[in-house]
Amino acid sequence: MKQVLETDMHIHTNASDGEYSPINIYKMIQKTNINVFSITDHDTVSGAKQLQKYIKYNDNSNIIYIPGIEITTNIKKTKYKMDYSKLHLLGYNFDLNHPEIKKILNKRRIINKINIENKLQILENLTKTKFTQEELNYILRKSYLGTIDITKILMKKRLVTNYQEAKEKYYSKISEITTPNIYEEEVLQTIKKAGGYTSVAHPTSLRMNLDDLKEYLKTLKDQGLDAVEVYHSKQTLNYSNKLKEVTNDLNLYISGGSDYHGPNIKPRVNLGINKQKTKKLTLDKQIISHQ
């Protein structure tokens, strides 16, 4: 049975690969029982800033908004790479204009640009079509360079009908170039320097057994990790319960969120809804006290 969470610490907007604007997300949240939420766009704080400014001048509710981000990193130690060499780290309530934040996001943007150009080249070969300069400008216009904007072009060209089709038909065949790399400790320490807190996003995506995951999380804690996303729309109740035990053993905070992107991108994920019953999350208390 699904249950609406009172806290949703993982939401995406159209500043990265979500469907809706930050302001629309906020208006949608006002119609739920969510009382604490965070915008955590991939590798950009532009949406978080936009909503922060909007709420400052338009807020008339008791909903607590915590600016955030989800940063993609490479896993440094081969031992922990398993069959997935990427880790997504969530950052919360940090100085969005901190120079170290700007520095690491610029580095991430360079990597994303390399990856997107590689994807476009492969896509042209796969689809037997060329992207116009206008289309390229549209794809590269944002701080975050993701596949959602490429999908819109593919849809206009009538090569696909939706994001899921594009993912299955094309994106699964595209590999990424990841040079230069950004590793875990750099992100963890950057968020710390900017006054924020960090959490591992959707640990199940790492595809590690729990013993290896616990050892890896201990390594991340030593590097500055604060929390683990125990509750997530991809994680079963059984997995979350086991992960909660691991998190408590390591004395890390518990976090969670929907990872909402919108109905066309993730049709089975709604704001504040997880696949299992949960208790009210605890990470927000520490973050709120930091404001």
C-alpha atoms as a PDB file:
ATOM      1  CA  MET A   1       0.000   0.000   0.000  1.00  0.00           C
ATOM      2  CA  LYS A   2       1.402   3.387  -0.970  1.00  0.00           C
ATOM      3  CA  GLN A   3       1.580   6.207   1.521  1.00  0.00           C
ATOM      4  CA  VAL A   4       2.181   9.907   0.981  1.00  0.00           C
ATOM      5  CA  LEU A   5       5.324  11.039   2.769  1.00  0.00           C
ATOM      6  CA  GLU A   6       5.324  14.144   4.922  1.00  0.00           C
ATOM      7  CA  THR A   7       8.839  14.828   3.688  1.00  0.00           C
ATOM      8  CA  ASP A   8      10.087  14.599   0.091  1.00  0.00           C
ATOM      9  CA  MET A   9      13.803  15.297  -0.158  1.00  0.00           C
ATOM     10  CA  HIS A  10      14.320  14.261  -3.785  1.00  0.00           C
ATOM     11  CA  ILE A  11      12.472  16.159  -6.528  1.00  0.00           C
ATOM     12  CA  HIS A  12      13.557  17.210 -10.036  1.00  0.00           C
ATOM     13  CA  THR A  13      12.386  20.142 -12.143  1.00  0.00           C
ATOM     14  CA  ASN A  14      12.868  21.269 -15.741  1.00  0.00           C
ATOM     15  CA  ALA A  15      16.104  22.948 -14.660  1.00  0.00           C
ATOM     16  CA  SER A  16      17.552  19.460 -15.162  1.00  0.00           C
ATOM     17  CA  ASP A  17      15.607  16.441 -16.405  1.00  0.00           C
ATOM     18  CA  GLY A  18      12.192  16.989 -14.823  1.00  0.00           C
ATOM     19  CA  GLU A  19       9.018  18.060 -16.616  1.00  0.00           C
ATOM     20  CA  TYR A  20       7.745  20.899 -14.440  1.00  0.00           C
ATOM     21  CA  SER A  21       9.162  24.250 -13.403  1.00  0.00           C
ATOM     22  CA  PRO A  22      10.224  24.755  -9.761  1.00  0.00           C
ATOM     23  CA  ILE A  23       7.276  27.087  -9.164  1.00  0.00           C
ATOM     24  CA  ASN A  24       4.811  24.549 -10.586  1.00  0.00           C
ATOM     25  CA  ILE A  25       6.321  21.867  -8.348  1.00  0.00           C
ATOM     26  CA  TYR A  26       5.802  24.136  -5.342  1.00  0.00           C
ATOM     27  CA  LYS A  27       2.155  24.725  -6.261  1.00  0.00           C
ATOM     28  CA  MET A  28       1.666  20.978  -6.692  1.00  0.00           C
ATOM     29  CA  ILE A  29       3.194  20.310  -3.274  1.00  0.00           C
ATOM     30  CA  GLN A  30       0.776  22.760  -1.676  1.00  0.00           C
ATOM     31  CA  LYS A  31      -2.007  20.370  -2.696  1.00  0.00           C
ATOM     32  CA  THR A  32      -0.413  17.415  -0.854  1.00  0.00           C
ATOM     33  CA  ASN A  33       0.309  16.734   2.818  1.00  0.00           C
ATOM     34  CA  ILE A  34       4.050  17.212   2.277  1.00  0.00           C
ATOM     35  CA  ASN A  35       5.368  19.770   4.766  1.00  0.00           C
ATOM     36  CA  VAL A  36       9.105  19.591   4.024  1.00  0.00           C
ATOM     37  CA  PHE A  37      10.600  19.214   0.550  1.00  0.00           C
ATOM     38  CA  SER A  38      13.747  19.777  -1.460  1.00  0.00           C
ATOM     39  CA  ILE A  39      14.486  20.531  -5.101  1.00  0.00           C
ATOM     40  CA  THR A  40      17.469  18.351  -6.036  1.00  0.00           C
ATOM     41  CA  ASP A  41      18.134  18.888  -9.726  1.00  0.00           C
ATOM     42  CA  HIS A  42      21.019  17.090 -11.391  1.00  0.00           C
ATOM     43  CA  ASP A  43      24.270  19.065 -11.330  1.00  0.00           C
ATOM     44  CA  THR A  44      22.639  22.517 -11.195  1.00  0.00           C
ATOM     45  CA  VAL A  45      21.198  24.893  -8.601  1.00  0.00           C
ATOM     46  CA  SER A  46      19.387  27.156 -11.072  1.00  0.00           C
ATOM     47  CA  GLY A  47      15.969  25.668 -10.250  1.00  0.00           C
ATOM     48  CA  ALA A  48      16.687  25.726  -6.525  1.00  0.00           C
ATOM     49  CA  LYS A  49      17.602  29.413  -6.759  1.00  0.00           C
ATOM     50  CA  GLN A  50      14.506  30.236  -8.779  1.00  0.00           C
ATOM     51  CA  LEU A  51      12.207  28.681  -6.201  1.00  0.00           C
ATOM     52  CA  GLN A  52      14.121  30.183  -3.293  1.00  0.00           C
ATOM     53  CA  LYS A  53      13.518  33.646  -4.730  1.00  0.00           C
ATOM     54  CA  TYR A  54       9.860  32.926  -5.514  1.00  0.00           C
ATOM     55  CA  ILE A  55       9.110  31.654  -2.005  1.00  0.00           C
ATOM     56  CA  LYS A  56      10.848  34.653  -0.442  1.00  0.00           C
ATOM     57  CA  TYR A  57       8.340  37.014  -2.051  1.00  0.00           C
ATOM     58  CA  ASN A  58       5.272  34.796  -2.475  1.00  0.00           C
ATOM     59  CA  ASP A  59       5.217  32.318   0.401  1.00  0.00           C
ATOM     60  CA  ASN A  60       2.040  32.173   2.462  1.00  0.00           C
ATOM     61  CA  SER A  61       2.204  28.582   3.690  1.00  0.00           C
ATOM     62  CA  ASN A  62       3.880  26.604   6.453  1.00  0.00           C
ATOM     63  CA  ILE A  63       5.691  24.329   4.001  1.00  0.00           C
ATOM     64  CA  ILE A  64       9.451  24.228   4.554  1.00  0.00           C
ATOM     65  CA  TYR A  65      11.578  24.382   1.407  1.00  0.00           C
ATOM     66  CA  ILE A  66      15.186  23.186   1.557  1.00  0.00           C
ATOM     67  CA  PRO A  67      17.355  23.968  -1.507  1.00  0.00           C
ATOM     68  CA  GLY A  68      19.322  20.980  -2.748  1.00  0.00           C
ATOM     69  CA  ILE A  69      21.142  19.271  -5.583  1.00  0.00           C
ATOM     70  CA  GLU A  70      21.993  15.814  -6.917  1.00  0.00           C
ATOM     71  CA  ILE A  71      25.580  15.585  -8.150  1.00  0.00           C
ATOM     72  CA  THR A  72      26.903  12.713 -10.257  1.00  0.00           C
ATOM     73  CA  THR A  73      30.282  11.353  -9.182  1.00  0.00           C
ATOM     74  CA  ASN A  74      32.574   8.552 -10.211  1.00  0.00           C
ATOM     75  CA  ILE A  75      33.428   5.843  -7.692  1.00  0.00           C
ATOM     76  CA  LYS A  76      37.150   6.044  -7.032  1.00  0.00           C
ATOM     77  CA  LYS A  77      37.982   2.613  -5.595  1.00  0.00           C
ATOM     78  CA  THR A  78      37.624  -0.283  -8.042  1.00  0.00           C
ATOM     79  CA  LYS A  79      36.539  -2.479  -5.129  1.00  0.00           C
ATOM     80  CA  TYR A  80      33.230  -0.632  -4.878  1.00  0.00           C
ATOM     81  CA  LYS A  81      32.481  -0.142  -8.570  1.00  0.00           C
ATOM     82  CA  MET A  82      30.712  -3.467  -9.045  1.00  0.00           C
ATOM     83  CA  ASP A  83      28.833  -3.196 -12.371  1.00  0.00           C
ATOM     84  CA  TYR A  84      27.968   0.474 -11.848  1.00  0.00           C
ATOM     85  CA  SER A  85      30.725   3.054 -11.526  1.00  0.00           C
ATOM     86  CA  LYS A  86      28.572   6.102 -10.721  1.00  0.00           C
ATOM     87  CA  LEU A  87      27.327   7.435  -7.407  1.00  0.00           C
ATOM     88  CA  HIS A  88      24.681  10.146  -7.024  1.00  0.00           C
ATOM     89  CA  LEU A  89      25.138  12.379  -3.984  1.00  0.00           C
ATOM     90  CA  LEU A  90      22.414  14.655  -2.664  1.00  0.00           C
ATOM     91  CA  GLY A  91      23.363  17.974  -1.074  1.00  0.00           C
ATOM     92  CA  TYR A  92      21.047  20.019   1.150  1.00  0.00           C
ATOM     93  CA  ASN A  93      20.793  23.509   2.607  1.00  0.00           C
ATOM     94  CA  PHE A  94      24.178  24.786   1.458  1.00  0.00           C
ATOM     95  CA  ASP A  95      25.158  28.220   0.168  1.00  0.00           C
ATOM     96  CA  LEU A  96      23.981  28.058  -3.450  1.00  0.00           C
ATOM     97  CA  ASN A  97      26.408  30.835  -4.413  1.00  0.00           C
ATOM     98  CA  HIS A  98      29.463  29.471  -2.633  1.00  0.00           C
ATOM     99  CA  PRO A  99      32.598  29.685  -4.850  1.00  0.00           C
ATOM    100  CA  GLU A 100      33.409  25.993  -4.289  1.00  0.00           C
ATOM    101  CA  ILE A 101      29.915  25.056  -5.454  1.00  0.00           C
ATOM    102  CA  LYS A 102      30.328  27.142  -8.588  1.00  0.00           C
ATOM    103  CA  LYS A 103      33.710  25.532  -9.211  1.00  0.00           C
ATOM    104  CA  ILE A 104      32.522  21.932  -8.957  1.00  0.00           C
ATOM    105  CA  LEU A 105      29.367  22.561 -11.001  1.00  0.00           C
ATOM    106  CA  ASN A 106      31.436  24.149 -13.748  1.00  0.00           C
ATOM    107  CA  LYS A 107      33.643  21.044 -13.741  1.00  0.00           C
ATOM    108  CA  ARG A 108      30.534  18.844 -13.860  1.00  0.00           C
ATOM    109  CA  ARG A 109      29.162  20.892 -16.753  1.00  0.00           C
ATOM    110  CA  ILE A 110      32.350  20.349 -18.752  1.00  0.00           C
ATOM    111  CA  ILE A 111      32.023  16.591 -18.218  1.00  0.00           C
ATOM    112  CA  ASN A 112      28.334  16.696 -19.147  1.00  0.00           C
ATOM    113  CA  LYS A 113      29.143  18.624 -22.322  1.00  0.00           C
ATOM    114  CA  ILE A 114      31.670  15.988 -23.373  1.00  0.00           C
ATOM    115  CA  ASN A 115      29.115  13.266 -22.704  1.00  0.00           C
ATOM    116  CA  ILE A 116      26.263  15.014 -24.498  1.00  0.00           C
ATOM    117  CA  GLU A 117      28.359  15.689 -27.599  1.00  0.00           C
ATOM    118  CA  ASN A 118      29.369  12.032 -27.624  1.00  0.00           C
ATOM    119  CA  LYS A 119      25.726  10.980 -27.315  1.00  0.00           C
ATOM    120  CA  LEU A 120      24.674  13.273 -30.143  1.00  0.00           C
ATOM    121  CA  GLN A 121      27.311  11.861 -32.458  1.00  0.00           C
ATOM    122  CA  ILE A 122      26.217   8.292 -31.732  1.00  0.00           C
ATOM    123  CA  LEU A 123      22.555   9.259 -32.036  1.00  0.00           C
ATOM    124  CA  GLU A 124      23.114  10.737 -35.481  1.00  0.00           C
ATOM    125  CA  ASN A 125      24.550   7.400 -36.579  1.00  0.00           C
ATOM    126  CA  LEU A 126      21.762   5.393 -34.945  1.00  0.00           C
ATOM    127  CA  THR A 127      18.896   7.534 -36.255  1.00  0.00           C
ATOM    128  CA  LYS A 128      20.438   8.329 -39.655  1.00  0.00           C
ATOM    129  CA  THR A 129      19.608  11.976 -39.107  1.00  0.00           C
ATOM    130  CA  LYS A 130      21.440  15.225 -38.402  1.00  0.00           C
ATOM    131  CA  PHE A 131      20.800  17.726 -35.634  1.00  0.00           C
ATOM    132  CA  THR A 132      20.473  21.298 -36.890  1.00  0.00           C
ATOM    133  CA  GLN A 133      22.376  24.134 -35.213  1.00  0.00           C
ATOM    134  CA  GLU A 134      19.091  25.387 -33.794  1.00  0.00           C
ATOM    135  CA  GLU A 135      18.430  21.982 -32.256  1.00  0.00           C
ATOM    136  CA  LEU A 136      21.956  21.806 -30.843  1.00  0.00           C
ATOM    137  CA  ASN A 137      21.560  25.257 -29.281  1.00  0.00           C
ATOM    138  CA  TYR A 138      18.312  24.113 -27.655  1.00  0.00           C
ATOM    139  CA  ILE A 139      19.930  20.984 -26.239  1.00  0.00           C
ATOM    140  CA  LEU A 140      22.970  22.854 -24.891  1.00  0.00           C
ATOM    141  CA  ARG A 141      21.102  25.878 -23.531  1.00  0.00           C
ATOM    142  CA  LYS A 142      20.803  24.842 -19.884  1.00  0.00           C
ATOM    143  CA  SER A 143      23.222  24.452 -16.983  1.00  0.00           C
ATOM    144  CA  TYR A 144      22.320  20.788 -16.930  1.00  0.00           C
ATOM    145  CA  LEU A 145      22.798  18.825 -20.129  1.00  0.00           C
ATOM    146  CA  GLY A 146      20.539  15.820 -20.058  1.00  0.00           C
ATOM    147  CA  THR A 147      18.648  13.428 -22.301  1.00  0.00           C
ATOM    148  CA  ILE A 148      15.236  14.994 -21.689  1.00  0.00           C
ATOM    149  CA  ASP A 149      15.984  17.828 -24.138  1.00  0.00           C
ATOM    150  CA  ILE A 150      17.372  15.402 -26.700  1.00  0.00           C
ATOM    151  CA  THR A 151      14.168  13.390 -26.332  1.00  0.00           C
ATOM    152  CA  LYS A 152      12.068  16.443 -27.196  1.00  0.00           C
ATOM    153  CA  ILE A 153      14.031  16.815 -30.433  1.00  0.00           C
ATOM    154  CA  LEU A 154      13.663  13.114 -31.247  1.00  0.00           C
ATOM    155  CA  MET A 155       9.918  13.432 -30.660  1.00  0.00           C
ATOM    156  CA  LYS A 156       9.707  16.415 -32.999  1.00  0.00           C
ATOM    157  CA  LYS A 157      11.516  14.354 -35.607  1.00  0.00           C
ATOM    158  CA  ARG A 158       8.945  11.596 -34.927  1.00  0.00           C
ATOM    159  CA  LEU A 159      11.693   9.111 -34.115  1.00  0.00           C
ATOM    160  CA  VAL A 160      10.143   8.337 -30.709  1.00  0.00           C
ATOM    161  CA  THR A 161       6.847   9.058 -28.972  1.00  0.00           C
ATOM    162  CA  ASN A 162       8.077   9.467 -25.380  1.00  0.00           C
ATOM    163  CA  TYR A 163      11.083   9.436 -23.065  1.00  0.00           C
ATOM    164  CA  GLN A 164      10.801   5.758 -22.173  1.00  0.00           C
ATOM    165  CA  GLU A 165      10.908   4.757 -25.836  1.00  0.00           C
ATOM    166  CA  ALA A 166      13.964   6.949 -26.432  1.00  0.00           C
ATOM    167  CA  LYS A 167      15.668   5.397 -23.409  1.00  0.00           C
ATOM    168  CA  GLU A 168      15.013   1.842 -24.553  1.00  0.00           C
ATOM    169  CA  LYS A 169      15.629   2.425 -28.251  1.00  0.00           C
ATOM    170  CA  TYR A 170      18.664   4.717 -28.148  1.00  0.00           C
ATOM    171  CA  TYR A 171      20.063   5.755 -24.764  1.00  0.00           C
ATOM    172  CA  SER A 172      20.735   2.198 -23.631  1.00  0.00           C
ATOM    173  CA  LYS A 173      23.188   1.943 -26.531  1.00  0.00           C
ATOM    174  CA  ILE A 174      25.085   5.097 -25.648  1.00  0.00           C
ATOM    175  CA  SER A 175      28.160   4.974 -23.438  1.00  0.00           C
ATOM    176  CA  GLU A 176      29.566   7.956 -21.575  1.00  0.00           C
ATOM    177  CA  ILE A 177      33.004   9.521 -21.551  1.00  0.00           C
ATOM    178  CA  THR A 178      33.953  10.529 -18.019  1.00  0.00           C
ATOM    179  CA  THR A 179      37.185  12.467 -18.264  1.00  0.00           C
ATOM    180  CA  PRO A 180      37.975  14.517 -16.232  1.00  0.00           C
ATOM    181  CA  ASN A 181      36.377  12.706 -13.292  1.00  0.00           C
ATOM    182  CA  ILE A 182      34.701  13.955 -10.127  1.00  0.00           C
ATOM    183  CA  TYR A 183      35.018  11.587  -7.188  1.00  0.00           C
ATOM    184  CA  GLU A 184      32.987  11.177  -4.001  1.00  0.00           C
ATOM    185  CA  GLU A 185      35.227  12.947  -1.500  1.00  0.00           C
ATOM    186  CA  GLU A 186      35.462  16.086  -3.644  1.00  0.00           C
ATOM    187  CA  VAL A 187      31.670  16.450  -3.697  1.00  0.00           C
ATOM    188  CA  LEU A 188      31.227  15.594  -0.012  1.00  0.00           C
ATOM    189  CA  GLN A 189      33.843  18.130   1.052  1.00  0.00           C
ATOM    190  CA  THR A 190      32.520  20.803  -1.325  1.00  0.00           C
ATOM    191  CA  ILE A 191      29.005  20.575   0.134  1.00  0.00           C
ATOM    192  CA  LYS A 192      30.521  20.693   3.621  1.00  0.00           C
ATOM    193  CA  LYS A 193      32.540  23.825   2.803  1.00  0.00           C
ATOM    194  CA  ALA A 194      29.340  25.443   1.549  1.00  0.00           C
ATOM    195  CA  GLY A 195      27.662  24.692   4.896  1.00  0.00           C
ATOM    196  CA  GLY A 196      25.437  21.826   3.794  1.00  0.00           C
ATOM    197  CA  TYR A 197      24.614  18.185   4.406  1.00  0.00           C
ATOM    198  CA  THR A 198      24.975  15.177   2.120  1.00  0.00           C
ATOM    199  CA  SER A 199      23.117  11.939   1.463  1.00  0.00           C
ATOM    200  CA  VAL A 200      23.631   8.948  -0.828  1.00  0.00           C
ATOM    201  CA  ALA A 201      20.834   8.834  -3.399  1.00  0.00           C
ATOM    202  CA  HIS A 202      18.943   5.566  -4.162  1.00  0.00           C
ATOM    203  CA  PRO A 203      21.610   3.122  -2.831  1.00  0.00           C
ATOM    204  CA  THR A 204      19.873   0.213  -4.559  1.00  0.00           C
ATOM    205  CA  SER A 205      21.170   1.633  -7.869  1.00  0.00           C
ATOM    206  CA  LEU A 206      24.708   0.780  -6.800  1.00  0.00           C
ATOM    207  CA  ARG A 207      23.779  -2.901  -7.026  1.00  0.00           C
ATOM    208  CA  MET A 208      25.985  -3.863  -4.077  1.00  0.00           C
ATOM    209  CA  ASN A 209      25.178  -6.542  -1.524  1.00  0.00           C
ATOM    210  CA  LEU A 210      24.454  -5.076   1.920  1.00  0.00           C
ATOM    211  CA  ASP A 211      27.806  -6.052   3.429  1.00  0.00           C
ATOM    212  CA  ASP A 212      29.752  -4.308   0.667  1.00  0.00           C
ATOM    213  CA  LEU A 213      27.367  -1.355   0.757  1.00  0.00           C
ATOM    214  CA  LYS A 214      27.837  -0.956   4.513  1.00  0.00           C
ATOM    215  CA  GLU A 215      31.612  -0.960   4.096  1.00  0.00           C
ATOM    216  CA  TYR A 216      31.340   1.584   1.275  1.00  0.00           C
ATOM    217  CA  LEU A 217      29.000   3.832   3.275  1.00  0.00           C
ATOM    218  CA  LYS A 218      31.488   3.709   6.164  1.00  0.00           C
ATOM    219  CA  THR A 219      34.188   4.935   3.753  1.00  0.00           C
ATOM    220  CA  LEU A 220      31.898   7.759   2.605  1.00  0.00           C
ATOM    221  CA  LYS A 221      31.080   8.680   6.199  1.00  0.00           C
ATOM    222  CA  ASP A 222      34.799   9.044   6.903  1.00  0.00           C
ATOM    223  CA  GLN A 223      34.900  11.454   3.961  1.00  0.00           C
ATOM    224  CA  GLY A 224      31.999  13.553   5.281  1.00  0.00           C
ATOM    225  CA  LEU A 225      28.731  11.763   4.406  1.00  0.00           C
ATOM    226  CA  ASP A 226      25.784  12.631   6.685  1.00  0.00           C
ATOM    227  CA  ALA A 227      22.853  10.494   5.535  1.00  0.00           C
ATOM    228  CA  VAL A 228      21.491   7.691   3.371  1.00  0.00           C
ATOM    229  CA  GLU A 229      18.350   7.750   1.220  1.00  0.00           C
ATOM    230  CA  VAL A 230      16.739   4.793   2.960  1.00  0.00           C
ATOM    231  CA  TYR A 231      13.327   5.454   1.413  1.00  0.00           C
ATOM    232  CA  HIS A 232      13.074   5.841  -2.360  1.00  0.00           C
ATOM    233  CA  SER A 233      10.493   4.979  -5.003  1.00  0.00           C
ATOM    234  CA  LYS A 234      12.780   2.279  -6.494  1.00  0.00           C
ATOM    235  CA  GLN A 235      13.441   0.562  -3.161  1.00  0.00           C
ATOM    236  CA  THR A 236      11.215  -2.161  -1.727  1.00  0.00           C
ATOM    237  CA  LEU A 237      10.018  -2.151   1.867  1.00  0.00           C
ATOM    238  CA  ASN A 238      12.210  -5.174   2.609  1.00  0.00           C
ATOM    239  CA  TYR A 239      15.309  -3.451   1.195  1.00  0.00           C
ATOM    240  CA  SER A 240      14.536  -0.189   3.010  1.00  0.00           C
ATOM    241  CA  ASN A 241      14.158  -1.979   6.334  1.00  0.00           C
ATOM    242  CA  LYS A 242      17.542  -3.661   5.917  1.00  0.00           C
ATOM    243  CA  LEU A 243      19.106  -0.419   4.734  1.00  0.00           C
ATOM    244  CA  LYS A 244      17.678   1.377   7.755  1.00  0.00           C
ATOM    245  CA  GLU A 245      19.512  -1.067  10.031  1.00  0.00           C
ATOM    246  CA  VAL A 246      22.771  -0.454   8.167  1.00  0.00           C
ATOM    247  CA  THR A 247      22.271   3.305   8.374  1.00  0.00           C
ATOM    248  CA  ASN A 248      21.529   3.193  12.102  1.00  0.00           C
ATOM    249  CA  ASP A 249      24.571   0.975  12.729  1.00  0.00           C
ATOM    250  CA  LEU A 250      26.751   3.584  11.035  1.00  0.00           C
ATOM    251  CA  ASN A 251      25.068   6.404  12.988  1.00  0.00           C
ATOM    252  CA  LEU A 252      24.054   8.197   9.794  1.00  0.00           C
ATOM    253  CA  TYR A 253      20.841  10.142   9.282  1.00  0.00           C
ATOM    254  CA  ILE A 254      17.894   8.623   7.431  1.00  0.00           C
ATOM    255  CA  SER A 255      16.508  10.450   4.408  1.00  0.00           C
ATOM    256  CA  GLY A 256      14.100   9.678   1.614  1.00  0.00           C
ATOM    257  CA  GLY A 257      12.143  11.035  -1.299  1.00  0.00           C
ATOM    258  CA  SER A 258      10.162  10.241  -4.378  1.00  0.00           C
ATOM    259  CA  ASP A 259      12.764  11.122  -7.048  1.00  0.00           C
ATOM    260  CA  TYR A 260       9.868  12.757  -8.871  1.00  0.00           C
ATOM    261  CA  HIS A 261      10.490  13.805 -12.490  1.00  0.00           C
ATOM    262  CA  GLY A 262       6.984  14.005 -13.934  1.00  0.00           C
ATOM    263  CA  PRO A 263       4.443  11.550 -15.408  1.00  0.00           C
ATOM    264  CA  ASN A 264       6.015  11.261 -18.851  1.00  0.00           C
ATOM    265  CA  ILE A 265       9.517  10.559 -17.559  1.00  0.00           C
ATOM    266  CA  LYS A 266       8.707   8.433 -14.496  1.00  0.00           C
ATOM    267  CA  PRO A 267       5.021   7.559 -14.818  1.00  0.00           C
ATOM    268  CA  ARG A 268       4.931   5.363 -11.710  1.00  0.00           C
ATOM    269  CA  VAL A 269       6.412   7.966  -9.366  1.00  0.00           C
ATOM    270  CA  ASN A 270       4.331  10.718  -7.782  1.00  0.00           C
ATOM    271  CA  LEU A 271       5.296  13.528  -5.448  1.00  0.00           C
ATOM    272  CA  GLY A 272       5.795  12.249  -1.933  1.00  0.00           C
ATOM    273  CA  ILE A 273       4.769   8.718  -2.779  1.00  0.00           C
ATOM    274  CA  ASN A 274       6.944   5.762  -2.019  1.00  0.00           C
ATOM    275  CA  LYS A 275       6.277   2.105  -2.696  1.00  0.00           C
ATOM    276  CA  GLN A 276       6.080   1.240   0.971  1.00  0.00           C
ATOM    277  CA  LYS A 277       4.736   2.569   4.235  1.00  0.00           C
ATOM    278  CA  THR A 278       7.253   4.801   5.978  1.00  0.00           C
ATOM    279  CA  LYS A 279       7.630   6.752   9.151  1.00  0.00           C
ATOM    280  CA  LYS A 280       8.295  10.468   9.115  1.00  0.00           C
ATOM    281  CA  LEU A 281      11.867  11.030   7.992  1.00  0.00           C
ATOM    282  CA  THR A 282      14.494  12.427  10.331  1.00  0.00           C
ATOM    283  CA  LEU A 283      17.127  14.128   8.205  1.00  0.00           C
ATOM    284  CA  ASP A 284      15.034  17.272   7.718  1.00  0.00           C
ATOM    285  CA  LYS A 285      15.179  18.037  11.469  1.00  0.00           C
ATOM    286  CA  GLN A 286      18.942  18.388  11.370  1.00  0.00           C
ATOM    287  CA  ILE A 287      18.866  20.389   8.148  1.00  0.00           C
ATOM    288  CA  ILE A 288      16.132  22.712   9.352  1.00  0.00           C
ATOM    289  CA  SER A 289      18.070  23.466  12.517  1.00  0.00           C
ATOM    290  CA  HIS A 290      20.972  24.514  10.305  1.00  0.00           C
ATOM    291  CA  GLN A 291      18.980  27.279   8.592  1.00  0.00           C
END
